[in-house]
PDB file of N, CA and C in Angstrom:
ATOM      1  N   MET A   1     152.944 -91.132-106.301  1.00  0.00           N
ATOM      2  CA  MET A   1     153.503 -90.807-107.584  1.00  0.00           C
ATOM      3  C   MET A   1     154.763 -90.042-107.454  1.00  0.00           C
ATOM      4  N   ASN A   2     155.856 -90.759-107.578  1.00  0.00           N
ATOM      5  CA  ASN A   2     157.197 -90.291-107.441  1.00  0.00           C
ATOM      6  C   ASN A   2     157.929 -90.009-108.718  1.00  0.00           C
ATOM      7  N   ARG A   3     158.812 -89.058-108.531  1.00  0.00           N
ATOM      8  CA  ARG A   3     159.674 -88.727-109.696  1.00  0.00           C
ATOM      9  C   ARG A   3     160.335 -90.009-110.176  1.00  0.00           C
ATOM     10  N   GLY A   4     160.378 -90.326-111.457  1.00  0.00           N
ATOM     11  CA  GLY A   4     160.997 -91.464-112.052  1.00  0.00           C
ATOM     12  C   GLY A   4     160.088 -92.672-112.198  1.00  0.00           C
ATOM     13  N   ASP A   5     158.887 -92.582-111.522  1.00  0.00           N
ATOM     14  CA  ASP A   5     157.889 -93.716-111.734  1.00  0.00           C
ATOM     15  C   ASP A   5     157.409 -93.577-113.163  1.00  0.00           C
ATOM     16  N   VAL A   6     156.997 -94.824-113.700  1.00  0.00           N
ATOM     17  CA  VAL A   6     156.404 -94.857-115.104  1.00  0.00           C
ATOM     18  C   VAL A   6     154.955 -95.383-114.846  1.00  0.00           C
ATOM     19  N   TYR A   7     154.010 -94.720-115.481  1.00  0.00           N
ATOM     20  CA  TYR A   7     152.594 -95.079-115.467  1.00  0.00           C
ATOM     21  C   TYR A   7     152.073 -95.148-116.859  1.00  0.00           C
ATOM     22  N   TRP A   8     151.044 -95.960-117.107  1.00  0.00           N
ATOM     23  CA  TRP A   8     150.257 -95.856-118.372  1.00  0.00           C
ATOM     24  C   TRP A   8     149.394 -94.676-118.154  1.00  0.00           C
ATOM     25  N   VAL A   9     149.332 -93.837-119.186  1.00  0.00           N
ATOM     26  CA  VAL A   9     148.601 -92.589-119.131  1.00  0.00           C
ATOM     27  C   VAL A   9     147.801 -92.457-120.444  1.00  0.00           C
ATOM     28  N   ASP A  10     146.544 -92.028-120.306  1.00  0.00           N
ATOM     29  CA  ASP A  10     145.685 -91.844-121.499  1.00  0.00           C
ATOM     30  C   ASP A  10     145.915 -90.369-121.922  1.00  0.00           C
ATOM     31  N   LEU A  11     146.677 -90.142-122.858  1.00  0.00           N
ATOM     32  CA  LEU A  11     146.917 -88.805-123.429  1.00  0.00           C
ATOM     33  C   LEU A  11     145.867 -88.207-124.373  1.00  0.00           C
ATOM     34  N   ASN A  12     144.867 -88.943-124.693  1.00  0.00           N
ATOM     35  CA  ASN A  12     143.798 -88.411-125.620  1.00  0.00           C
ATOM     36  C   ASN A  12     142.799 -87.690-124.760  1.00  0.00           C
ATOM     37  N   PRO A  13     142.144 -86.551-125.293  1.00  0.00           N
ATOM     38  CA  PRO A  13     142.280 -86.179-126.683  1.00  0.00           C
ATOM     39  C   PRO A  13     143.512 -85.290-126.755  1.00  0.00           C
ATOM     40  N   THR A  14     144.054 -85.184-128.015  1.00  0.00           N
ATOM     41  CA  THR A  14     145.132 -84.296-128.307  1.00  0.00           C
ATOM     42  C   THR A  14     144.865 -83.452-129.491  1.00  0.00           C
ATOM     43  N   GLN A  15     145.754 -82.511-129.812  1.00  0.00           N
ATOM     44  CA  GLN A  15     145.496 -81.658-130.947  1.00  0.00           C
ATOM     45  C   GLN A  15     146.805 -81.592-131.785  1.00  0.00           C
ATOM     46  N   GLY A  16     146.726 -81.502-133.063  1.00  0.00           N
ATOM     47  CA  GLY A  16     147.840 -81.267-133.889  1.00  0.00           C
ATOM     48  C   GLY A  16     148.953 -82.345-133.732  1.00  0.00           C
ATOM     49  N   SER A  17     150.199 -81.901-133.412  1.00  0.00           N
ATOM     50  CA  SER A  17     151.316 -82.885-133.380  1.00  0.00           C
ATOM     51  C   SER A  17     151.580 -83.438-132.025  1.00  0.00           C
ATOM     52  N   GLU A  18     150.684 -83.216-131.040  1.00  0.00           N
ATOM     53  CA  GLU A  18     150.865 -83.722-129.689  1.00  0.00           C
ATOM     54  C   GLU A  18     150.870 -85.296-129.688  1.00  0.00           C
ATOM     55  N   ILE A  19     151.715 -85.880-128.935  1.00  0.00           N
ATOM     56  CA  ILE A  19     151.776 -87.300-128.906  1.00  0.00           C
ATOM     57  C   ILE A  19     150.467 -87.885-128.200  1.00  0.00           C
ATOM     58  N   ASN A  20     149.971 -88.933-128.787  1.00  0.00           N
ATOM     59  CA  ASN A  20     148.548 -89.315-128.376  1.00  0.00           C
ATOM     60  C   ASN A  20     148.531 -90.754-127.870  1.00  0.00           C
ATOM     61  N   LYS A  21     147.412 -91.289-127.616  1.00  0.00           N
ATOM     62  CA  LYS A  21     146.950 -92.585-127.268  1.00  0.00           C
ATOM     63  C   LYS A  21     147.402 -92.899-125.843  1.00  0.00           C
ATOM     64  N   GLN A  22     146.981 -94.107-125.384  1.00  0.00           N
ATOM     65  CA  GLN A  22     147.484 -94.671-124.072  1.00  0.00           C
ATOM     66  C   GLN A  22     148.935 -95.142-124.193  1.00  0.00           C
ATOM     67  N   ARG A  23     149.792 -94.605-123.392  1.00  0.00           N
ATOM     68  CA  ARG A  23     151.241 -94.975-123.455  1.00  0.00           C
ATOM     69  C   ARG A  23     151.862 -94.782-122.082  1.00  0.00           C
ATOM     70  N   PRO A  24     153.013 -95.478-121.928  1.00  0.00           N
ATOM     71  CA  PRO A  24     153.733 -95.277-120.717  1.00  0.00           C
ATOM     72  C   PRO A  24     154.390 -93.877-120.692  1.00  0.00           C
ATOM     73  N   CYS A  25     154.387 -93.264-119.479  1.00  0.00           N
ATOM     74  CA  CYS A  25     154.932 -91.930-119.246  1.00  0.00           C
ATOM     75  C   CYS A  25     155.769 -91.898-117.943  1.00  0.00           C
ATOM     76  N   VAL A  26     156.943 -91.278-117.992  1.00  0.00           N
ATOM     77  CA  VAL A  26     157.765 -91.152-116.824  1.00  0.00           C
ATOM     78  C   VAL A  26     157.430 -89.829-116.182  1.00  0.00           C
ATOM     79  N   ILE A  27     157.256 -89.903-114.844  1.00  0.00           N
ATOM     80  CA  ILE A  27     157.079 -88.616-114.062  1.00  0.00           C
ATOM     81  C   ILE A  27     158.306 -87.979-113.841  1.00  0.00           C
ATOM     82  N   VAL A  28     158.374 -86.666-114.328  1.00  0.00           N
ATOM     83  CA  VAL A  28     159.538 -85.835-114.100  1.00  0.00           C
ATOM     84  C   VAL A  28     159.459 -84.722-113.121  1.00  0.00           C
ATOM     85  N   GLY A  29     158.238 -84.514-112.639  1.00  0.00           N
ATOM     86  CA  GLY A  29     158.022 -83.377-111.671  1.00  0.00           C
ATOM     87  C   GLY A  29     158.475 -83.805-110.240  1.00  0.00           C
ATOM     88  N   ALA A  30     158.806 -82.927-109.424  1.00  0.00           N
ATOM     89  CA  ALA A  30     159.215 -83.133-108.110  1.00  0.00           C
ATOM     90  C   ALA A  30     158.126 -83.927-107.255  1.00  0.00           C
ATOM     91  N   THR A  31     158.563 -84.849-106.526  1.00  0.00           N
ATOM     92  CA  THR A  31     157.674 -85.770-105.831  1.00  0.00           C
ATOM     93  C   THR A  31     156.771 -84.981-104.879  1.00  0.00           C
ATOM     94  N   PRO A  32     157.266 -83.973-104.059  1.00  0.00           N
ATOM     95  CA  PRO A  32     156.418 -83.226-103.093  1.00  0.00           C
ATOM     96  C   PRO A  32     155.305 -82.504-103.935  1.00  0.00           C
ATOM     97  N   ILE A  33     155.716 -81.954-105.039  1.00  0.00           N
ATOM     98  CA  ILE A  33     154.602 -81.248-105.891  1.00  0.00           C
ATOM     99  C   ILE A  33     153.624 -82.302-106.454  1.00  0.00           C
ATOM    100  N   ASN A  34     154.081 -83.421-106.860  1.00  0.00           N
ATOM    101  CA  ASN A  34     153.138 -84.490-107.404  1.00  0.00           C
ATOM    102  C   ASN A  34     152.112 -84.869-106.376  1.00  0.00           C
ATOM    103  N   ARG A  35     152.572 -84.860-105.107  1.00  0.00           N
ATOM    104  CA  ARG A  35     151.623 -85.241-103.947  1.00  0.00           C
ATOM    105  C   ARG A  35     150.636 -84.100-103.690  1.00  0.00           C
ATOM    106  N   ALA A  36     151.090 -82.944-103.840  1.00  0.00           N
ATOM    107  CA  ALA A  36     150.260 -81.691-103.441  1.00  0.00           C
ATOM    108  C   ALA A  36     149.295 -81.330-104.464  1.00  0.00           C
ATOM    109  N   ARG A  37     149.598 -81.599-105.687  1.00  0.00           N
ATOM    110  CA  ARG A  37     148.773 -80.979-106.861  1.00  0.00           C
ATOM    111  C   ARG A  37     147.946 -82.166-107.499  1.00  0.00           C
ATOM    112  N   ASN A  38     146.990 -81.821-108.272  1.00  0.00           N
ATOM    113  CA  ASN A  38     146.142 -82.751-108.998  1.00  0.00           C
ATOM    114  C   ASN A  38     146.670 -82.996-110.445  1.00  0.00           C
ATOM    115  N   THR A  39     147.799 -82.374-110.733  1.00  0.00           N
ATOM    116  CA  THR A  39     148.446 -82.493-112.023  1.00  0.00           C
ATOM    117  C   THR A  39     149.896 -82.937-111.864  1.00  0.00           C
ATOM    118  N   VAL A  40     150.439 -83.660-112.856  1.00  0.00           N
ATOM    119  CA  VAL A  40     151.746 -84.247-112.776  1.00  0.00           C
ATOM    120  C   VAL A  40     152.516 -83.969-114.103  1.00  0.00           C
ATOM    121  N   VAL A  41     153.761 -83.606-114.062  1.00  0.00           N
ATOM    122  CA  VAL A  41     154.557 -83.337-115.320  1.00  0.00           C
ATOM    123  C   VAL A  41     155.152 -84.681-115.704  1.00  0.00           C
ATOM    124  N   VAL A  42     154.973 -85.000-116.977  1.00  0.00           N
ATOM    125  CA  VAL A  42     155.369 -86.379-117.502  1.00  0.00           C
ATOM    126  C   VAL A  42     156.171 -86.052-118.789  1.00  0.00           C
ATOM    127  N   VAL A  43     156.897 -87.139-119.192  1.00  0.00           N
ATOM    128  CA  VAL A  43     157.505 -87.356-120.530  1.00  0.00           C
ATOM    129  C   VAL A  43     157.033 -88.595-121.083  1.00  0.00           C
ATOM    130  N   PRO A  44     156.305 -88.648-122.230  1.00  0.00           N
ATOM    131  CA  PRO A  44     155.864 -89.845-122.887  1.00  0.00           C
ATOM    132  C   PRO A  44     156.984 -90.743-123.403  1.00  0.00           C
ATOM    133  N   LEU A  45     156.703 -92.087-123.388  1.00  0.00           N
ATOM    134  CA  LEU A  45     157.670 -93.055-123.840  1.00  0.00           C
ATOM    135  C   LEU A  45     156.974 -93.666-125.131  1.00  0.00           C
ATOM    136  N   SER A  46     157.914 -94.153-126.072  1.00  0.00           N
ATOM    137  CA  SER A  46     157.467 -94.806-127.291  1.00  0.00           C
ATOM    138  C   SER A  46     158.350 -95.877-127.677  1.00  0.00           C
ATOM    139  N   THR A  47     157.823 -96.945-128.309  1.00  0.00           N
ATOM    140  CA  THR A  47     158.601 -97.992-128.830  1.00  0.00           C
ATOM    141  C   THR A  47     159.011 -97.762-130.367  1.00  0.00           C
ATOM    142  N   ALA A  48     158.355 -96.824-130.957  1.00  0.00           N
ATOM    143  CA  ALA A  48     158.491 -96.618-132.335  1.00  0.00           C
ATOM    144  C   ALA A  48     159.634 -95.571-132.789  1.00  0.00           C
ATOM    145  N   ALA A  49     159.821 -94.639-131.847  1.00  0.00           N
ATOM    146  CA  ALA A  49     160.726 -93.491-132.111  1.00  0.00           C
ATOM    147  C   ALA A  49     162.171 -94.055-132.036  1.00  0.00           C
ATOM    148  N   ARG A  50     163.064 -93.324-132.846  1.00  0.00           N
ATOM    149  CA  ARG A  50     164.423 -93.627-132.822  1.00  0.00           C
ATOM    150  C   ARG A  50     165.133 -92.540-131.978  1.00  0.00           C
ATOM    151  N   SER A  51     166.202 -92.981-131.255  1.00  0.00           N
ATOM    152  CA  SER A  51     166.915 -92.097-130.485  1.00  0.00           C
ATOM    153  C   SER A  51     167.624 -90.958-131.290  1.00  0.00           C
ATOM    154  N   ARG A  52     167.364 -89.745-130.869  1.00  0.00           N
ATOM    155  CA  ARG A  52     168.011 -88.491-131.481  1.00  0.00           C
ATOM    156  C   ARG A  52     168.155 -87.485-130.318  1.00  0.00           C
ATOM    157  N   PRO A  53     169.226 -87.796-129.453  1.00  0.00           N
ATOM    158  CA  PRO A  53     169.448 -86.850-128.363  1.00  0.00           C
ATOM    159  C   PRO A  53     169.634 -85.430-128.804  1.00  0.00           C
ATOM    160  N   PRO A  54     169.195 -84.475-128.037  1.00  0.00           N
ATOM    161  CA  PRO A  54     168.549 -84.523-126.777  1.00  0.00           C
ATOM    162  C   PRO A  54     167.002 -84.617-126.856  1.00  0.00           C
ATOM    163  N   ILE A  55     166.450 -84.594-128.042  1.00  0.00           N
ATOM    164  CA  ILE A  55     165.038 -84.621-128.228  1.00  0.00           C
ATOM    165  C   ILE A  55     164.415 -85.894-127.856  1.00  0.00           C
ATOM    166  N   VAL A  56     164.993 -86.998-128.338  1.00  0.00           N
ATOM    167  CA  VAL A  56     164.499 -88.363-128.152  1.00  0.00           C
ATOM    168  C   VAL A  56     165.710 -89.139-127.631  1.00  0.00           C
ATOM    169  N   ILE A  57     165.510 -89.791-126.440  1.00  0.00           N
ATOM    170  CA  ILE A  57     166.641 -90.593-125.805  1.00  0.00           C
ATOM    171  C   ILE A  57     166.237 -91.977-125.543  1.00  0.00           C
ATOM    172  N   SER A  58     167.075 -92.901-125.482  1.00  0.00           N
ATOM    173  CA  SER A  58     166.783 -94.321-125.159  1.00  0.00           C
ATOM    174  C   SER A  58     166.915 -94.518-123.745  1.00  0.00           C
ATOM    175  N   VAL A  59     165.850 -95.219-123.119  1.00  0.00           N
ATOM    176  CA  VAL A  59     165.884 -95.655-121.740  1.00  0.00           C
ATOM    177  C   VAL A  59     165.312 -97.077-121.612  1.00  0.00           C
ATOM    178  N   GLN A  60     165.579 -97.703-120.561  1.00  0.00           N
ATOM    179  CA  GLN A  60     165.103 -99.037-120.248  1.00  0.00           C
ATOM    180  C   GLN A  60     163.792 -98.969-119.521  1.00  0.00           C
ATOM    181  N   CYS A  61     162.717 -99.559-120.080  1.00  0.00           N
ATOM    182  CA  CYS A  61     161.413 -99.575-119.352  1.00  0.00           C
ATOM    183  C   CYS A  61     160.560-100.760-119.833  1.00  0.00           C
ATOM    184  N   LEU A  62     159.789-101.330-118.998  1.00  0.00           N
ATOM    185  CA  LEU A  62     158.972-102.493-119.391  1.00  0.00           C
ATOM    186  C   LEU A  62     159.803-103.684-119.875  1.00  0.00           C
ATOM    187  N   GLY A  63     161.042-103.858-119.355  1.00  0.00           N
ATOM    188  CA  GLY A  63     161.860-104.873-119.938  1.00  0.00           C
ATOM    189  C   GLY A  63     162.520-104.669-121.232  1.00  0.00           C
ATOM    190  N   LYS A  64     162.474-103.469-121.880  1.00  0.00           N
ATOM    191  CA  LYS A  64     163.016-103.291-123.198  1.00  0.00           C
ATOM    192  C   LYS A  64     163.512-101.876-123.270  1.00  0.00           C
ATOM    193  N   GLN A  65     164.246-101.604-124.394  1.00  0.00           N
ATOM    194  CA  GLN A  65     164.656-100.203-124.695  1.00  0.00           C
ATOM    195  C   GLN A  65     163.501 -99.452-125.351  1.00  0.00           C
ATOM    196  N   VAL A  66     163.237 -98.427-124.792  1.00  0.00           N
ATOM    197  CA  VAL A  66     162.199 -97.539-125.472  1.00  0.00           C
ATOM    198  C   VAL A  66     162.682 -96.099-125.559  1.00  0.00           C
ATOM    199  N   ALA A  67     162.000 -95.197-126.147  1.00  0.00           N
ATOM    200  CA  ALA A  67     162.356 -93.794-126.440  1.00  0.00           C
ATOM    201  C   ALA A  67     161.548 -92.929-125.536  1.00  0.00           C
ATOM    202  N   ALA A  68     162.304 -92.002-124.820  1.00  0.00           N
ATOM    203  CA  ALA A  68     161.640 -90.936-124.046  1.00  0.00           C
ATOM    204  C   ALA A  68     161.549 -89.738-125.018  1.00  0.00           C
ATOM    205  N   ILE A  69     160.411 -89.245-125.275  1.00  0.00           N
ATOM    206  CA  ILE A  69     160.183 -88.136-126.218  1.00  0.00           C
ATOM    207  C   ILE A  69     160.174 -86.790-125.452  1.00  0.00           C
ATOM    208  N   CYS A  70     161.431 -86.309-125.278  1.00  0.00           N
ATOM    209  CA  CYS A  70     161.628 -85.213-124.316  1.00  0.00           C
ATOM    210  C   CYS A  70     160.915 -83.860-124.708  1.00  0.00           C
ATOM    211  N   ASP A  71     160.760 -83.688-126.064  1.00  0.00           N
ATOM    212  CA  ASP A  71     160.079 -82.412-126.453  1.00  0.00           C
ATOM    213  C   ASP A  71     158.584 -82.453-126.403  1.00  0.00           C
ATOM    214  N   GLN A  72     158.037 -83.636-125.951  1.00  0.00           N
ATOM    215  CA  GLN A  72     156.609 -83.749-125.766  1.00  0.00           C
ATOM    216  C   GLN A  72     156.231 -83.734-124.167  1.00  0.00           C
ATOM    217  N   ILE A  73     157.157 -83.126-123.333  1.00  0.00           N
ATOM    218  CA  ILE A  73     156.907 -82.987-121.939  1.00  0.00           C
ATOM    219  C   ILE A  73     155.525 -82.273-121.781  1.00  0.00           C
ATOM    220  N   ARG A  74     154.751 -82.692-120.842  1.00  0.00           N
ATOM    221  CA  ARG A  74     153.367 -82.139-120.641  1.00  0.00           C
ATOM    222  C   ARG A  74     152.871 -82.376-119.264  1.00  0.00           C
ATOM    223  N   THR A  75     151.964 -81.536-118.853  1.00  0.00           N
ATOM    224  CA  THR A  75     151.343 -81.704-117.587  1.00  0.00           C
ATOM    225  C   THR A  75     149.978 -82.328-117.825  1.00  0.00           C
ATOM    226  N   VAL A  76     149.662 -83.360-117.016  1.00  0.00           N
ATOM    227  CA  VAL A  76     148.468 -84.150-117.161  1.00  0.00           C
ATOM    228  C   VAL A  76     147.774 -84.197-115.813  1.00  0.00           C
ATOM    229  N   ASP A  77     146.479 -84.290-115.900  1.00  0.00           N
ATOM    230  CA  ASP A  77     145.746 -84.452-114.681  1.00  0.00           C
ATOM    231  C   ASP A  77     145.768 -85.987-114.087  1.00  0.00           C
ATOM    232  N   LYS A  78     145.836 -86.141-112.856  1.00  0.00           N
ATOM    233  CA  LYS A  78     145.951 -87.450-112.315  1.00  0.00           C
ATOM    234  C   LYS A  78     144.824 -88.446-112.757  1.00  0.00           C
ATOM    235  N   SER A  79     143.745 -87.883-113.154  1.00  0.00           N
ATOM    236  CA  SER A  79     142.615 -88.796-113.616  1.00  0.00           C
ATOM    237  C   SER A  79     143.045 -89.469-114.915  1.00  0.00           C
ATOM    238  N   ARG A  80     144.104 -89.027-115.609  1.00  0.00           N
ATOM    239  CA  ARG A  80     144.520 -89.743-116.849  1.00  0.00           C
ATOM    240  C   ARG A  80     145.341 -90.980-116.607  1.00  0.00           C
ATOM    241  N   PHE A  81     145.826 -91.059-115.353  1.00  0.00           N
ATOM    242  CA  PHE A  81     146.741 -92.209-114.998  1.00  0.00           C
ATOM    243  C   PHE A  81     145.983 -93.510-114.833  1.00  0.00           C
ATOM    244  N   MET A  82     146.451 -94.568-115.431  1.00  0.00           N
ATOM    245  CA  MET A  82     145.702 -95.848-115.509  1.00  0.00           C
ATOM    246  C   MET A  82     146.277 -96.902-114.535  1.00  0.00           C
ATOM    247  N   LYS A  83     147.555 -97.237-114.768  1.00  0.00           N
ATOM    248  CA  LYS A  83     148.182 -98.244-113.900  1.00  0.00           C
ATOM    249  C   LYS A  83     149.783 -98.025-113.945  1.00  0.00           C
ATOM    250  N   SER A  84     150.410 -98.487-112.925  1.00  0.00           N
ATOM    251  CA  SER A  84     151.812 -98.406-112.811  1.00  0.00           C
ATOM    252  C   SER A  84     152.605 -99.306-113.770  1.00  0.00           C
ATOM    253  N   ALA A  85     153.666 -98.820-114.392  1.00  0.00           N
ATOM    254  CA  ALA A  85     154.436 -99.598-115.290  1.00  0.00           C
ATOM    255  C   ALA A  85     155.949 -99.685-114.937  1.00  0.00           C
ATOM    256  N   GLY A  86     156.240 -99.405-113.707  1.00  0.00           N
ATOM    257  CA  GLY A  86     157.633 -99.560-113.249  1.00  0.00           C
ATOM    258  C   GLY A  86     158.248 -98.222-112.915  1.00  0.00           C
ATOM    259  N   LYS A  87     159.552 -98.185-113.021  1.00  0.00           N
ATOM    260  CA  LYS A  87     160.349 -97.027-112.627  1.00  0.00           C
ATOM    261  C   LYS A  87     161.638 -97.030-113.469  1.00  0.00           C
ATOM    262  N   LEU A  88     162.090 -95.817-113.888  1.00  0.00           N
ATOM    263  CA  LEU A  88     163.324 -95.652-114.563  1.00  0.00           C
ATOM    264  C   LEU A  88     164.464 -95.763-113.635  1.00  0.00           C
ATOM    265  N   SER A  89     165.619 -96.199-114.049  1.00  0.00           N
ATOM    266  CA  SER A  89     166.832 -96.312-113.187  1.00  0.00           C
ATOM    267  C   SER A  89     167.297 -94.948-112.955  1.00  0.00           C
ATOM    268  N   THR A  90     168.246 -94.818-111.986  1.00  0.00           N
ATOM    269  CA  THR A  90     168.883 -93.529-111.646  1.00  0.00           C
ATOM    270  C   THR A  90     169.657 -93.074-112.828  1.00  0.00           C
ATOM    271  N   GLU A  91     170.404 -93.957-113.503  1.00  0.00           N
ATOM    272  CA  GLU A  91     171.203 -93.597-114.641  1.00  0.00           C
ATOM    273  C   GLU A  91     170.336 -93.102-115.803  1.00  0.00           C
ATOM    274  N   ASP A  92     169.195 -93.702-116.101  1.00  0.00           N
ATOM    275  CA  ASP A  92     168.269 -93.248-117.151  1.00  0.00           C
ATOM    276  C   ASP A  92     167.622 -91.869-116.821  1.00  0.00           C
ATOM    277  N   MET A  93     167.320 -91.710-115.463  1.00  0.00           N
ATOM    278  CA  MET A  93     166.746 -90.367-115.002  1.00  0.00           C
ATOM    279  C   MET A  93     167.820 -89.358-115.240  1.00  0.00           C
ATOM    280  N   ASP A  94     169.110 -89.631-114.914  1.00  0.00           N
ATOM    281  CA  ASP A  94     170.181 -88.536-115.135  1.00  0.00           C
ATOM    282  C   ASP A  94     170.225 -88.194-116.605  1.00  0.00           C
ATOM    283  N   ILE A  95     170.144 -89.197-117.528  1.00  0.00           N
ATOM    284  CA  ILE A  95     170.242 -88.823-118.890  1.00  0.00           C
ATOM    285  C   ILE A  95     169.036 -88.057-119.326  1.00  0.00           C
ATOM    286  N   LEU A  96     167.830 -88.447-118.879  1.00  0.00           N
ATOM    287  CA  LEU A  96     166.571 -87.678-119.119  1.00  0.00           C
ATOM    288  C   LEU A  96     166.721 -86.302-118.533  1.00  0.00           C
ATOM    289  N   ASP A  97     167.207 -86.086-117.445  1.00  0.00           N
ATOM    290  CA  ASP A  97     167.402 -84.744-116.917  1.00  0.00           C
ATOM    291  C   ASP A  97     168.314 -83.859-117.708  1.00  0.00           C
ATOM    292  N   ASP A  98     169.327 -84.453-118.245  1.00  0.00           N
ATOM    293  CA  ASP A  98     170.318 -83.731-119.012  1.00  0.00           C
ATOM    294  C   ASP A  98     169.655 -83.271-120.384  1.00  0.00           C
ATOM    295  N   SER A  99     168.801 -84.141-120.919  1.00  0.00           N
ATOM    296  CA  SER A  99     168.048 -83.926-122.163  1.00  0.00           C
ATOM    297  C   SER A  99     167.120 -82.812-121.885  1.00  0.00           C
ATOM    298  N   LEU A 100     166.317 -82.840-120.850  1.00  0.00           N
ATOM    299  CA  LEU A 100     165.359 -81.810-120.511  1.00  0.00           C
ATOM    300  C   LEU A 100     165.942 -80.480-120.249  1.00  0.00           C
ATOM    301  N   ARG A 101     167.127 -80.466-119.589  1.00  0.00           N
ATOM    302  CA  ARG A 101     167.822 -79.178-119.461  1.00  0.00           C
ATOM    303  C   ARG A 101     168.178 -78.528-120.845  1.00  0.00           C
ATOM    304  N   GLN A 102     168.570 -79.401-121.745  1.00  0.00           N
ATOM    305  CA  GLN A 102     168.931 -78.906-123.143  1.00  0.00           C
ATOM    306  C   GLN A 102     167.674 -78.442-123.816  1.00  0.00           C
ATOM    307  N   ILE A 103     166.597 -79.244-123.815  1.00  0.00           N
ATOM    308  CA  ILE A 103     165.282 -78.824-124.457  1.00  0.00           C
ATOM    309  C   ILE A 103     164.737 -77.605-123.976  1.00  0.00           C
ATOM    310  N   LEU A 104     164.833 -77.421-122.539  1.00  0.00           N
ATOM    311  CA  LEU A 104     164.184 -76.237-121.877  1.00  0.00           C
ATOM    312  C   LEU A 104     165.188 -75.081-121.742  1.00  0.00           C
ATOM    313  N   SER A 105     166.466 -75.220-122.152  1.00  0.00           N
ATOM    314  CA  SER A 105     167.465 -74.185-122.018  1.00  0.00           C
ATOM    315  C   SER A 105     167.667 -73.852-120.524  1.00  0.00           C
ATOM    316  N   LEU A 106     167.785 -74.783-119.688  1.00  0.00           N
ATOM    317  CA  LEU A 106     167.912 -74.606-118.259  1.00  0.00           C
ATOM    318  C   LEU A 106     169.422 -74.661-117.827  1.00  0.00           C
TER     319      LEU A 106
END
């Protein structure tokens, strides 16, 4: 599980306004930490959301443009991971990193 990899993740159960269901998520945590821990930090992807930087940004995944929902960043247990769905490009990861810095005031 490397930074930038995309996996199908079961995000249920959720509460309130948390993004739910099984959906692709991009790993944003550092690769050495992903390997050492049982949890991984991800950003969920959606085909329904419209781009509204920095909260929602457009990235290429699964052969199409999808939205990375940056304000729904979360830590999930590795048991929620179902199967690999590809990898984001370096360019898309750079855009995602910039958005996360703004969202998290880093």
